[in-house]
Full PDB file with SEQRES, HELIX, SHEET, SSBOND, CRYST1, ORIGX, SCALE, CONECT and MASTER records, all heavy atoms in Angstrom:
SEQRES   1 A   42  LEU MET VAL LEU ALA GLN LEU LYS ALA ALA GLY ILE ASP          
SEQRES   2 A   42  LEU ASP ARG VAL THR ARG VAL VAL LYS LEU GLY ALA PHE          
SEQRES   3 A   42  VAL ASN CYS THR PRO GLU TYR THR ASP GLN PRO LYS VAL          
SEQRES   4 A   42  ALA ASN GLY                                                  
HELIX    1 AA1 MET A    2  ALA A    9  1                                   8    
HELIX    2 AA2 LEU A   14  ARG A   16  5                                   3    
HELIX    3 AA3 GLN A   36  ALA A   40  1                                   5    
CRYST1    1.000    1.000    1.000  90.00  90.00  90.00 P 1           1          
ORIGX1      1.000000  0.000000  0.000000        0.00000                         
ORIGX2      0.000000  1.000000  0.000000        0.00000                         
ORIGX3      0.000000  0.000000  1.000000        0.00000                         
SCALE1      1.000000  0.000000  0.000000        0.00000                         
SCALE2      0.000000  1.000000  0.000000        0.00000                         
SCALE3      0.000000  0.000000  1.000000        0.00000                         
ATOM      1  N   LEU A   1      12.385 -28.620 101.374  1.00  0.00           N  
ATOM      2  CA  LEU A   1      11.298 -28.505 100.389  1.00  0.00           C  
ATOM      3  C   LEU A   1      11.324 -27.135  99.726  1.00  0.00           C  
ATOM      4  O   LEU A   1      11.102 -27.015  98.519  1.00  0.00           O  
ATOM      5  CB  LEU A   1       9.944 -28.757 101.057  1.00  0.00           C  
ATOM      6  CG  LEU A   1       9.691 -30.188 101.514  1.00  0.00           C  
ATOM      7  CD1 LEU A   1       8.417 -30.258 102.351  1.00  0.00           C  
ATOM      8  CD2 LEU A   1       9.610 -31.140 100.330  1.00  0.00           C  
ATOM      9  N   MET A   2      11.629 -26.101 100.524  1.00  0.00           N  
ATOM     10  CA  MET A   2      11.691 -24.750  99.969  1.00  0.00           C  
ATOM     11  C   MET A   2      12.880 -24.612  99.021  1.00  0.00           C  
ATOM     12  O   MET A   2      12.794 -23.911  98.009  1.00  0.00           O  
ATOM     13  CB  MET A   2      11.743 -23.711 101.091  1.00  0.00           C  
ATOM     14  CG  MET A   2      11.556 -22.295 100.608  1.00  0.00           C  
ATOM     15  SD  MET A   2       9.957 -21.970  99.778  1.00  0.00           S  
ATOM     16  CE  MET A   2       8.848 -21.996 101.179  1.00  0.00           C  
ATOM     17  N   VAL A   3      13.996 -25.286  99.302  1.00  0.00           N  
ATOM     18  CA  VAL A   3      15.137 -25.288  98.369  1.00  0.00           C  
ATOM     19  C   VAL A   3      14.670 -25.814  97.013  1.00  0.00           C  
ATOM     20  O   VAL A   3      14.947 -25.213  95.969  1.00  0.00           O  
ATOM     21  CB  VAL A   3      16.307 -26.141  98.923  1.00  0.00           C  
ATOM     22  CG1 VAL A   3      17.321 -26.457  97.822  1.00  0.00           C  
ATOM     23  CG2 VAL A   3      16.983 -25.437 100.091  1.00  0.00           C  
ATOM     24  N   LEU A   4      13.947 -26.934  97.021  1.00  0.00           N  
ATOM     25  CA  LEU A   4      13.448 -27.512  95.765  1.00  0.00           C  
ATOM     26  C   LEU A   4      12.459 -26.576  95.091  1.00  0.00           C  
ATOM     27  O   LEU A   4      12.481 -26.410  93.868  1.00  0.00           O  
ATOM     28  CB  LEU A   4      12.813 -28.878  96.026  1.00  0.00           C  
ATOM     29  CG  LEU A   4      13.734 -29.935  96.636  1.00  0.00           C  
ATOM     30  CD1 LEU A   4      12.977 -31.244  96.844  1.00  0.00           C  
ATOM     31  CD2 LEU A   4      14.979 -30.146  95.800  1.00  0.00           C  
ATOM     32  N   ALA A   5      11.599 -25.947  95.881  1.00  0.00           N  
ATOM     33  CA  ALA A   5      10.628 -25.003  95.316  1.00  0.00           C  
ATOM     34  C   ALA A   5      11.330 -23.817  94.668  1.00  0.00           C  
ATOM     35  O   ALA A   5      10.904 -23.339  93.607  1.00  0.00           O  
ATOM     36  CB  ALA A   5       9.670 -24.528  96.414  1.00  0.00           C  
ATOM     37  N   GLN A   6      12.415 -23.352  95.279  1.00  0.00           N  
ATOM     38  CA  GLN A   6      13.161 -22.222  94.704  1.00  0.00           C  
ATOM     39  C   GLN A   6      13.823 -22.612  93.389  1.00  0.00           C  
ATOM     40  O   GLN A   6      13.865 -21.807  92.446  1.00  0.00           O  
ATOM     41  CB  GLN A   6      14.203 -21.696  95.697  1.00  0.00           C  
ATOM     42  CG  GLN A   6      13.623 -21.030  96.920  1.00  0.00           C  
ATOM     43  CD  GLN A   6      12.925 -19.708  96.639  1.00  0.00           C  
ATOM     44  OE1 GLN A   6      12.824 -19.231  95.505  1.00  0.00           O  
ATOM     45  NE2 GLN A   6      12.404 -19.102  97.688  1.00  0.00           N  
ATOM     46  N   LEU A   7      14.339 -23.837  93.309  1.00  0.00           N  
ATOM     47  CA  LEU A   7      14.911 -24.296  92.040  1.00  0.00           C  
ATOM     48  C   LEU A   7      13.862 -24.263  90.940  1.00  0.00           C  
ATOM     49  O   LEU A   7      14.115 -23.750  89.841  1.00  0.00           O  
ATOM     50  CB  LEU A   7      15.475 -25.716  92.187  1.00  0.00           C  
ATOM     51  CG  LEU A   7      16.725 -25.874  93.049  1.00  0.00           C  
ATOM     52  CD1 LEU A   7      17.020 -27.356  93.270  1.00  0.00           C  
ATOM     53  CD2 LEU A   7      17.918 -25.165  92.421  1.00  0.00           C  
ATOM     54  N   LYS A   8      12.691 -24.804  91.233  1.00  0.00           N  
ATOM     55  CA  LYS A   8      11.613 -24.809  90.231  1.00  0.00           C  
ATOM     56  C   LYS A   8      11.203 -23.390  89.859  1.00  0.00           C  
ATOM     57  O   LYS A   8      10.984 -23.086  88.695  1.00  0.00           O  
ATOM     58  CB  LYS A   8      10.420 -25.602  90.747  1.00  0.00           C  
ATOM     59  CG  LYS A   8      10.644 -27.101  90.718  1.00  0.00           C  
ATOM     60  CD  LYS A   8       9.391 -27.869  91.030  1.00  0.00           C  
ATOM     61  CE  LYS A   8       8.403 -27.666  89.900  1.00  0.00           C  
ATOM     62  NZ  LYS A   8       7.239 -28.536  90.001  1.00  0.00           N  
ATOM     63  N   ALA A   9      11.092 -22.514  90.856  1.00  0.00           N  
ATOM     64  CA  ALA A   9      10.691 -21.131  90.595  1.00  0.00           C  
ATOM     65  C   ALA A   9      11.718 -20.414  89.730  1.00  0.00           C  
ATOM     66  O   ALA A   9      11.375 -19.496  88.986  1.00  0.00           O  
ATOM     67  CB  ALA A   9      10.482 -20.379  91.907  1.00  0.00           C  
ATOM     68  N   ALA A  10      12.975 -20.859  89.803  1.00  0.00           N  
ATOM     69  CA  ALA A  10      14.040 -20.275  88.973  1.00  0.00           C  
ATOM     70  C   ALA A  10      14.052 -20.887  87.572  1.00  0.00           C  
ATOM     71  O   ALA A  10      14.932 -20.576  86.769  1.00  0.00           O  
ATOM     72  CB  ALA A  10      15.395 -20.476  89.648  1.00  0.00           C  
ATOM     73  N   GLY A  11      13.095 -21.758  87.285  1.00  0.00           N  
ATOM     74  CA  GLY A  11      13.001 -22.366  85.959  1.00  0.00           C  
ATOM     75  C   GLY A  11      13.888 -23.571  85.764  1.00  0.00           C  
ATOM     76  O   GLY A  11      14.156 -23.970  84.629  1.00  0.00           O  
ATOM     77  N   ILE A  12      14.357 -24.165  86.854  1.00  0.00           N  
ATOM     78  CA  ILE A  12      15.224 -25.339  86.769  1.00  0.00           C  
ATOM     79  C   ILE A  12      14.392 -26.598  86.930  1.00  0.00           C  
ATOM     80  O   ILE A  12      13.774 -26.807  87.976  1.00  0.00           O  
ATOM     81  CB  ILE A  12      16.325 -25.283  87.856  1.00  0.00           C  
ATOM     82  CG1 ILE A  12      17.191 -24.035  87.642  1.00  0.00           C  
ATOM     83  CG2 ILE A  12      17.160 -26.555  87.850  1.00  0.00           C  
ATOM     84  CD1 ILE A  12      18.108 -23.710  88.805  1.00  0.00           C  
ATOM     85  N   ASP A  13      14.348 -27.402  85.889  1.00  0.00           N  
ATOM     86  CA  ASP A  13      13.662 -28.695  85.950  1.00  0.00           C  
ATOM     87  C   ASP A  13      14.434 -29.581  86.916  1.00  0.00           C  
ATOM     88  O   ASP A  13      15.656 -29.753  86.773  1.00  0.00           O  
ATOM     89  CB  ASP A  13      13.629 -29.306  84.545  1.00  0.00           C  
ATOM     90  CG  ASP A  13      12.877 -30.610  84.467  1.00  0.00           C  
ATOM     91  OD1 ASP A  13      12.754 -31.328  85.481  1.00  0.00           O  
ATOM     92  OD2 ASP A  13      12.410 -30.941  83.367  1.00  0.00           O  
ATOM     93  N   LEU A  14      13.758 -30.147  87.896  1.00  0.00           N  
ATOM     94  CA  LEU A  14      14.441 -30.962  88.905  1.00  0.00           C  
ATOM     95  C   LEU A  14      15.096 -32.201  88.308  1.00  0.00           C  
ATOM     96  O   LEU A  14      16.009 -32.773  88.919  1.00  0.00           O  
ATOM     97  CB  LEU A  14      13.481 -31.334  90.030  1.00  0.00           C  
ATOM     98  CG  LEU A  14      12.949 -30.153  90.853  1.00  0.00           C  
ATOM     99  CD1 LEU A  14      11.990 -30.633  91.932  1.00  0.00           C  
ATOM    100  CD2 LEU A  14      14.077 -29.329  91.442  1.00  0.00           C  
ATOM    101  N   ASP A  15      14.696 -32.610  87.111  1.00  0.00           N  
ATOM    102  CA  ASP A  15      15.357 -33.728  86.444  1.00  0.00           C  
ATOM    103  C   ASP A  15      16.751 -33.343  85.941  1.00  0.00           C  
ATOM    104  O   ASP A  15      17.529 -34.215  85.577  1.00  0.00           O  
ATOM    105  CB  ASP A  15      14.508 -34.254  85.285  1.00  0.00           C  
ATOM    106  CG  ASP A  15      13.295 -35.011  85.776  1.00  0.00           C  
ATOM    107  OD1 ASP A  15      13.418 -35.757  86.775  1.00  0.00           O  
ATOM    108  OD2 ASP A  15      12.209 -34.857  85.182  1.00  0.00           O  
ATOM    109  N   ARG A  16      17.073 -32.053  85.939  1.00  0.00           N  
ATOM    110  CA  ARG A  16      18.410 -31.588  85.544  1.00  0.00           C  
ATOM    111  C   ARG A  16      19.413 -31.671  86.688  1.00  0.00           C  
ATOM    112  O   ARG A  16      20.611 -31.459  86.479  1.00  0.00           O  
ATOM    113  CB  ARG A  16      18.339 -30.150  85.034  1.00  0.00           C  
ATOM    114  CG  ARG A  16      17.653 -30.026  83.682  1.00  0.00           C  
ATOM    115  CD  ARG A  16      17.563 -28.588  83.215  1.00  0.00           C  
ATOM    116  NE  ARG A  16      18.830 -27.874  83.272  1.00  0.00           N  
ATOM    117  CZ  ARG A  16      18.945 -26.562  83.460  1.00  0.00           C  
ATOM    118  NH1 ARG A  16      17.866 -25.809  83.614  1.00  0.00           N  
ATOM    119  NH2 ARG A  16      20.127 -25.991  83.488  1.00  0.00           N  
ATOM    120  N   VAL A  17      18.937 -31.955  87.900  1.00  0.00           N  
ATOM    121  CA  VAL A  17      19.852 -32.060  89.041  1.00  0.00           C  
ATOM    122  C   VAL A  17      20.741 -33.284  88.839  1.00  0.00           C  
ATOM    123  O   VAL A  17      20.253 -34.394  88.641  1.00  0.00           O  
ATOM    124  CB  VAL A  17      19.070 -32.164  90.369  1.00  0.00           C  
ATOM    125  CG1 VAL A  17      20.007 -32.502  91.528  1.00  0.00           C  
ATOM    126  CG2 VAL A  17      18.309 -30.864  90.639  1.00  0.00           C  
ATOM    127  N   THR A  18      22.048 -33.056  88.862  1.00  0.00           N  
ATOM    128  CA  THR A  18      22.991 -34.171  88.723  1.00  0.00           C  
ATOM    129  C   THR A  18      23.629 -34.533  90.057  1.00  0.00           C  
ATOM    130  O   THR A  18      24.164 -35.625  90.203  1.00  0.00           O  
ATOM    131  CB  THR A  18      24.101 -33.855  87.702  1.00  0.00           C  
ATOM    132  OG1 THR A  18      24.823 -32.699  88.126  1.00  0.00           O  
ATOM    133  CG2 THR A  18      23.507 -33.638  86.310  1.00  0.00           C  
ATOM    134  N   ARG A  19      23.556 -33.626  91.031  1.00  0.00           N  
ATOM    135  CA  ARG A  19      24.092 -33.919  92.363  1.00  0.00           C  
ATOM    136  C   ARG A  19      23.682 -32.814  93.327  1.00  0.00           C  
ATOM    137  O   ARG A  19      23.752 -31.631  92.989  1.00  0.00           O  
ATOM    138  CB  ARG A  19      25.627 -33.986  92.315  1.00  0.00           C  
ATOM    139  CG  ARG A  19      26.298 -34.361  93.625  1.00  0.00           C  
ATOM    140  CD  ARG A  19      26.113 -35.840  93.866  1.00  0.00           C  
ATOM    141  NE  ARG A  19      26.511 -36.246  95.188  1.00  0.00           N  
ATOM    142  CZ  ARG A  19      27.240 -37.317  95.429  1.00  0.00           C  
ATOM    143  NH1 ARG A  19      27.677 -38.064  94.440  1.00  0.00           N  
ATOM    144  NH2 ARG A  19      27.516 -37.660  96.660  1.00  0.00           N  
ATOM    145  N   VAL A  20      23.236 -33.207  94.499  1.00  0.00           N  
ATOM    146  CA  VAL A  20      23.133 -32.262  95.602  1.00  0.00           C  
ATOM    147  C   VAL A  20      24.537 -32.235  96.193  1.00  0.00           C  
ATOM    148  O   VAL A  20      25.015 -33.231  96.736  1.00  0.00           O  
ATOM    149  CB  VAL A  20      22.082 -32.701  96.643  1.00  0.00           C  
ATOM    150  CG1 VAL A  20      22.047 -31.728  97.812  1.00  0.00           C  
ATOM    151  CG2 VAL A  20      20.703 -32.835  95.997  1.00  0.00           C  
ATOM    152  N   VAL A  21      25.226 -31.124  96.024  1.00  0.00           N  
ATOM    153  CA  VAL A  21      26.640 -31.035  96.386  1.00  0.00           C  
ATOM    154  C   VAL A  21      26.808 -30.762  97.879  1.00  0.00           C  
ATOM    155  O   VAL A  21      27.550 -31.450  98.571  1.00  0.00           O  
ATOM    156  CB  VAL A  21      27.353 -29.953  95.556  1.00  0.00           C  
ATOM    157  CG1 VAL A  21      28.809 -29.804  95.973  1.00  0.00           C  
ATOM    158  CG2 VAL A  21      27.244 -30.274  94.062  1.00  0.00           C  
ATOM    159  N   LYS A  22      26.111 -29.748  98.382  1.00  0.00           N  
ATOM    160  CA  LYS A  22      26.291 -29.375  99.785  1.00  0.00           C  
ATOM    161  C   LYS A  22      25.058 -28.680 100.330  1.00  0.00           C  
ATOM    162  O   LYS A  22      24.435 -27.885  99.630  1.00  0.00           O  
ATOM    163  CB  LYS A  22      27.496 -28.449  99.938  1.00  0.00           C  
ATOM    164  CG  LYS A  22      27.801 -28.117 101.391  1.00  0.00           C  
ATOM    165  CD  LYS A  22      29.078 -27.321 101.540  1.00  0.00           C  
ATOM    166  CE  LYS A  22      29.340 -27.103 103.038  1.00  0.00           C  
ATOM    167  NZ  LYS A  22      30.485 -26.252 103.279  1.00  0.00           N  
ATOM    168  N   LEU A  23      24.736 -28.998 101.575  1.00  0.00           N  
ATOM    169  CA  LEU A  23      23.721 -28.268 102.322  1.00  0.00           C  
ATOM    170  C   LEU A  23      24.399 -27.596 103.507  1.00  0.00           C  
ATOM    171  O   LEU A  23      25.317 -28.157 104.112  1.00  0.00           O  
ATOM    172  CB  LEU A  23      22.634 -29.199 102.868  1.00  0.00           C  
ATOM    173  CG  LEU A  23      21.760 -29.949 101.866  1.00  0.00           C  
ATOM    174  CD1 LEU A  23      20.706 -30.771 102.616  1.00  0.00           C  
ATOM    175  CD2 LEU A  23      21.106 -29.018 100.877  1.00  0.00           C  
ATOM    176  N   GLY A  24      23.940 -26.411 103.823  1.00  0.00           N  
ATOM    177  CA  GLY A  24      24.351 -25.727 105.040  1.00  0.00           C  
ATOM    178  C   GLY A  24      23.119 -25.594 105.912  1.00  0.00           C  
ATOM    179  O   GLY A  24      22.116 -25.046 105.474  1.00  0.00           O  
ATOM    180  N   ALA A  25      23.178 -26.132 107.122  1.00  0.00           N  
ATOM    181  CA  ALA A  25      22.032 -26.061 108.035  1.00  0.00           C  
ATOM    182  C   ALA A  25      22.403 -25.193 109.230  1.00  0.00           C  
ATOM    183  O   ALA A  25      23.425 -25.420 109.883  1.00  0.00           O  
ATOM    184  CB  ALA A  25      21.642 -27.460 108.499  1.00  0.00           C  
ATOM    185  N   PHE A  26      21.586 -24.208 109.487  1.00  0.00           N  
ATOM    186  CA  PHE A  26      21.784 -23.286 110.597  1.00  0.00           C  
ATOM    187  C   PHE A  26      20.635 -23.513 111.575  1.00  0.00           C  
ATOM    188  O   PHE A  26      19.470 -23.390 111.203  1.00  0.00           O  
ATOM    189  CB  PHE A  26      21.812 -21.845 110.092  1.00  0.00           C  
ATOM    190  CG  PHE A  26      22.848 -21.650 109.020  1.00  0.00           C  
ATOM    191  CD1 PHE A  26      22.526 -21.828 107.683  1.00  0.00           C  
ATOM    192  CD2 PHE A  26      24.157 -21.339 109.353  1.00  0.00           C  
ATOM    193  CE1 PHE A  26      23.483 -21.689 106.682  1.00  0.00           C  
ATOM    194  CE2 PHE A  26      25.127 -21.197 108.359  1.00  0.00           C  
ATOM    195  CZ  PHE A  26      24.787 -21.370 107.028  1.00  0.00           C  
ATOM    196  N   VAL A  27      20.978 -23.862 112.806  1.00  0.00           N  
ATOM    197  CA  VAL A  27      19.983 -24.233 113.803  1.00  0.00           C  
ATOM    198  C   VAL A  27      19.956 -23.185 114.911  1.00  0.00           C  
ATOM    199  O   VAL A  27      20.972 -22.945 115.571  1.00  0.00           O  
ATOM    200  CB  VAL A  27      20.312 -25.630 114.392  1.00  0.00           C  
ATOM    201  CG1 VAL A  27      19.283 -26.030 115.442  1.00  0.00           C  
ATOM    202  CG2 VAL A  27      20.383 -26.679 113.275  1.00  0.00           C  
ATOM    203  N   ASN A  28      18.810 -22.555 115.086  1.00  0.00           N  
ATOM    204  CA  ASN A  28      18.602 -21.589 116.150  1.00  0.00           C  
ATOM    205  C   ASN A  28      18.522 -22.386 117.452  1.00  0.00           C  
ATOM    206  O   ASN A  28      17.581 -23.143 117.661  1.00  0.00           O  
ATOM    207  CB  ASN A  28      17.299 -20.832 115.879  1.00  0.00           C  
ATOM    208  CG  ASN A  28      17.019 -19.742 116.893  1.00  0.00           C  
ATOM    209  OD1 ASN A  28      17.698 -19.595 117.896  1.00  0.00           O  
ATOM    210  ND2 ASN A  28      15.974 -18.977 116.613  1.00  0.00           N  
ATOM    211  N   CYS A  29      19.538 -22.233 118.312  1.00  0.00           N  
ATOM    212  CA  CYS A  29      19.575 -23.097 119.497  1.00  0.00           C  
ATOM    213  C   CYS A  29      20.245 -22.420 120.686  1.00  0.00           C  
ATOM    214  O   CYS A  29      20.922 -21.403 120.539  1.00  0.00           O  
ATOM    215  CB  CYS A  29      20.278 -24.403 119.176  1.00  0.00           C  
ATOM    216  SG  CYS A  29      21.994 -24.239 118.661  1.00  0.00           S  
ATOM    217  N   THR A  30      20.066 -23.041 121.827  1.00  0.00           N  
ATOM    218  CA  THR A  30      20.720 -22.589 123.049  1.00  0.00           C  
ATOM    219  C   THR A  30      22.207 -22.930 122.970  1.00  0.00           C  
ATOM    220  O   THR A  30      22.596 -23.826 122.214  1.00  0.00           O  
ATOM    221  CB  THR A  30      20.084 -23.266 124.272  1.00  0.00           C  
ATOM    222  OG1 THR A  30      20.231 -24.684 124.146  1.00  0.00           O  
ATOM    223  CG2 THR A  30      18.606 -22.897 124.404  1.00  0.00           C  
ATOM    224  N   PRO A  31      23.045 -22.256 123.756  1.00  0.00           N  
ATOM    225  CA  PRO A  31      24.492 -22.495 123.683  1.00  0.00           C  
ATOM    226  C   PRO A  31      24.909 -23.936 123.988  1.00  0.00           C  
ATOM    227  O   PRO A  31      25.889 -24.414 123.424  1.00  0.00           O  
ATOM    228  CB  PRO A  31      25.071 -21.532 124.724  1.00  0.00           C  
ATOM    229  CG  PRO A  31      24.058 -20.460 124.855  1.00  0.00           C  
ATOM    230  CD  PRO A  31      22.722 -21.125 124.634  1.00  0.00           C  
ATOM    231  N   GLU A  32      24.176 -24.627 124.844  1.00  0.00           N  
ATOM    232  CA  GLU A  32      24.570 -25.990 125.215  1.00  0.00           C  
ATOM    233  C   GLU A  32      24.003 -27.063 124.282  1.00  0.00           C  
ATOM    234  O   GLU A  32      24.346 -28.234 124.418  1.00  0.00           O  
ATOM    235  CB  GLU A  32      24.162 -26.290 126.674  1.00  0.00           C  
ATOM    236  CG  GLU A  32      22.672 -26.334 126.922  1.00  0.00           C  
ATOM    237  CD  GLU A  32      21.989 -24.972 127.079  1.00  0.00           C  
ATOM    238  OE1 GLU A  32      22.669 -23.929 127.141  1.00  0.00           O  
ATOM    239  OE2 GLU A  32      20.757 -24.957 127.125  1.00  0.00           O  
ATOM    240  N   TYR A  33      23.197 -26.675 123.322  1.00  0.00           N  
ATOM    241  CA  TYR A  33      22.570 -27.645 122.418  1.00  0.00           C  
ATOM    242  C   TYR A  33      23.616 -28.224 121.461  1.00  0.00           C  
ATOM    243  O   TYR A  33      24.408 -27.483 120.877  1.00  0.00           O  
ATOM    244  CB  TYR A  33      21.441 -26.977 121.626  1.00  0.00           C  
ATOM    245  CG  TYR A  33      20.576 -27.949 120.885  1.00  0.00           C  
ATOM    246  CD1 TYR A  33      19.609 -28.686 121.543  1.00  0.00           C  
ATOM    247  CD2 TYR A  33      20.733 -28.142 119.522  1.00  0.00           C  
ATOM    248  CE1 TYR A  33      18.806 -29.590 120.869  1.00  0.00           C  
ATOM    249  CE2 TYR A  33      19.944 -29.051 118.833  1.00  0.00           C  
ATOM    250  CZ  TYR A  33      18.982 -29.766 119.519  1.00  0.00           C  
ATOM    251  OH  TYR A  33      18.191 -30.673 118.842  1.00  0.00           O  
ATOM    252  N   THR A  34      23.622 -29.556 121.288  1.00  0.00           N  
ATOM    253  CA  THR A  34      24.643 -30.189 120.444  1.00  0.00           C  
ATOM    254  C   THR A  34      24.083 -31.153 119.400  1.00  0.00           C  
ATOM    255  O   THR A  34      24.856 -31.882 118.764  1.00  0.00           O  
ATOM    256  CB  THR A  34      25.669 -30.951 121.312  1.00  0.00           C  
ATOM    257  OG1 THR A  34      24.982 -31.944 122.082  1.00  0.00           O  
ATOM    258  CG2 THR A  34      26.433 -30.002 122.226  1.00  0.00           C  
ATOM    259  N   ASP A  35      22.788 -31.156 119.202  1.00  0.00           N  
ATOM    260  CA  ASP A  35      22.192 -32.086 118.234  1.00  0.00           C  
ATOM    261  C   ASP A  35      21.926 -31.444 116.867  1.00  0.00           C  
ATOM    262  O   ASP A  35      21.054 -31.895 116.117  1.00  0.00           O  
ATOM    263  CB  ASP A  35      20.901 -32.684 118.791  1.00  0.00           C  
ATOM    264  CG  ASP A  35      21.153 -33.823 119.762  1.00  0.00           C  
ATOM    265  OD1 ASP A  35      22.254 -34.413 119.701  1.00  0.00           O  
ATOM    266  OD2 ASP A  35      20.256 -34.122 120.570  1.00  0.00           O  
ATOM    267  N   GLN A  36      22.686 -30.407 116.503  1.00  0.00           N  
ATOM    268  CA  GLN A  36      22.498 -29.773 115.195  1.00  0.00           C  
ATOM    269  C   GLN A  36      22.562 -30.777 114.049  1.00  0.00           C  
ATOM    270  O   GLN A  36      21.738 -30.695 113.124  1.00  0.00           O  
ATOM    271  CB  GLN A  36      23.535 -28.660 114.972  1.00  0.00           C  
ATOM    272  CG  GLN A  36      23.404 -27.482 115.903  1.00  0.00           C  
ATOM    273  CD  GLN A  36      24.154 -27.658 117.206  1.00  0.00           C  
ATOM    274  OE1 GLN A  36      24.673 -28.720 117.524  1.00  0.00           O  
ATOM    275  NE2 GLN A  36      24.209 -26.593 118.003  1.00  0.00           N  
ATOM    276  N   PRO A  37      23.497 -31.757 114.061  1.00  0.00           N  
ATOM    277  CA  PRO A  37      23.522 -32.728 112.962  1.00  0.00           C  
ATOM    278  C   PRO A  37      22.226 -33.540 112.844  1.00  0.00           C  
ATOM    279  O   PRO A  37      21.773 -33.822 111.737  1.00  0.00           O  
ATOM    280  CB  PRO A  37      24.709 -33.633 113.307  1.00  0.00           C  
ATOM    281  CG  PRO A  37      25.604 -32.758 114.130  1.00  0.00           C  
ATOM    282  CD  PRO A  37      24.663 -31.921 114.959  1.00  0.00           C  
ATOM    283  N   LYS A  38      21.630 -33.883 113.981  1.00  0.00           N  
ATOM    284  CA  LYS A  38      20.368 -34.634 113.944  1.00  0.00           C  
ATOM    285  C   LYS A  38      19.247 -33.773 113.375  1.00  0.00           C  
ATOM    286  O   LYS A  38      18.390 -34.267 112.642  1.00  0.00           O  
ATOM    287  CB  LYS A  38      20.005 -35.138 115.338  1.00  0.00           C  
ATOM    288  CG  LYS A  38      20.934 -36.215 115.851  1.00  0.00           C  
ATOM    289  CD  LYS A  38      20.530 -36.654 117.247  1.00  0.00           C  
ATOM    290  CE  LYS A  38      21.509 -37.673 117.803  1.00  0.00           C  
ATOM    291  NZ  LYS A  38      21.176 -38.018 119.204  1.00  0.00           N  
ATOM    292  N   VAL A  39      19.243 -32.493 113.719  1.00  0.00           N  
ATOM    293  CA  VAL A  39      18.240 -31.572 113.167  1.00  0.00           C  
ATOM    294  C   VAL A  39      18.411 -31.489 111.651  1.00  0.00           C  
ATOM    295  O   VAL A  39      17.445 -31.629 110.888  1.00  0.00           O  
ATOM    296  CB  VAL A  39      18.359 -30.171 113.809  1.00  0.00           C  
ATOM    297  CG1 VAL A  39      17.450 -29.162 113.099  1.00  0.00           C  
ATOM    298  CG2 VAL A  39      18.028 -30.237 115.299  1.00  0.00           C  
ATOM    299  N   ALA A  40      19.650 -31.285 111.207  1.00  0.00           N  
ATOM    300  CA  ALA A  40      19.937 -31.135 109.778  1.00  0.00           C  
ATOM    301  C   ALA A  40      19.552 -32.365 108.976  1.00  0.00           C  
ATOM    302  O   ALA A  40      19.268 -32.263 107.771  1.00  0.00           O  
ATOM    303  CB  ALA A  40      21.413 -30.809 109.574  1.00  0.00           C  
ATOM    304  N   ASN A  41      19.507 -33.520 109.628  1.00  0.00           N  
ATOM    305  CA  ASN A  41      19.090 -34.738 108.924  1.00  0.00           C  
ATOM    306  C   ASN A  41      17.712 -34.604 108.294  1.00  0.00           C  
ATOM    307  O   ASN A  41      17.413 -35.278 107.305  1.00  0.00           O  
ATOM    308  CB  ASN A  41      19.118 -35.944 109.857  1.00  0.00           C  
ATOM    309  CG  ASN A  41      20.514 -36.448 110.113  1.00  0.00           C  
ATOM    310  OD1 ASN A  41      21.464 -36.088 109.427  1.00  0.00           O  
ATOM    311  ND2 ASN A  41      20.648 -37.286 111.129  1.00  0.00           N  
ATOM    312  N   GLY A  42      16.875 -33.730 108.825  1.00  0.00           N  
ATOM    313  CA  GLY A  42      15.564 -33.514 108.221  1.00  0.00           C  
ATOM    314  C   GLY A  42      15.673 -33.094 106.765  1.00  0.00           C  
ATOM    315  O   GLY A  42      14.945 -33.585 105.896  1.00  0.00           O  
TER     316      GLY A  42                                                      
MASTER        0    0    0    3    0    0    0    6  315    1    0    4          
END                                                                             
């Protein structure tokens, strides 16, 4: 949601989006945690 808010704050009309190309998700986790992809699904 904050990504979208930043686009709008930069003056980009969300109707101009032609593709979400890539997301990078960084998950603060313990060393044995392996569900980062499930978290990023949010």
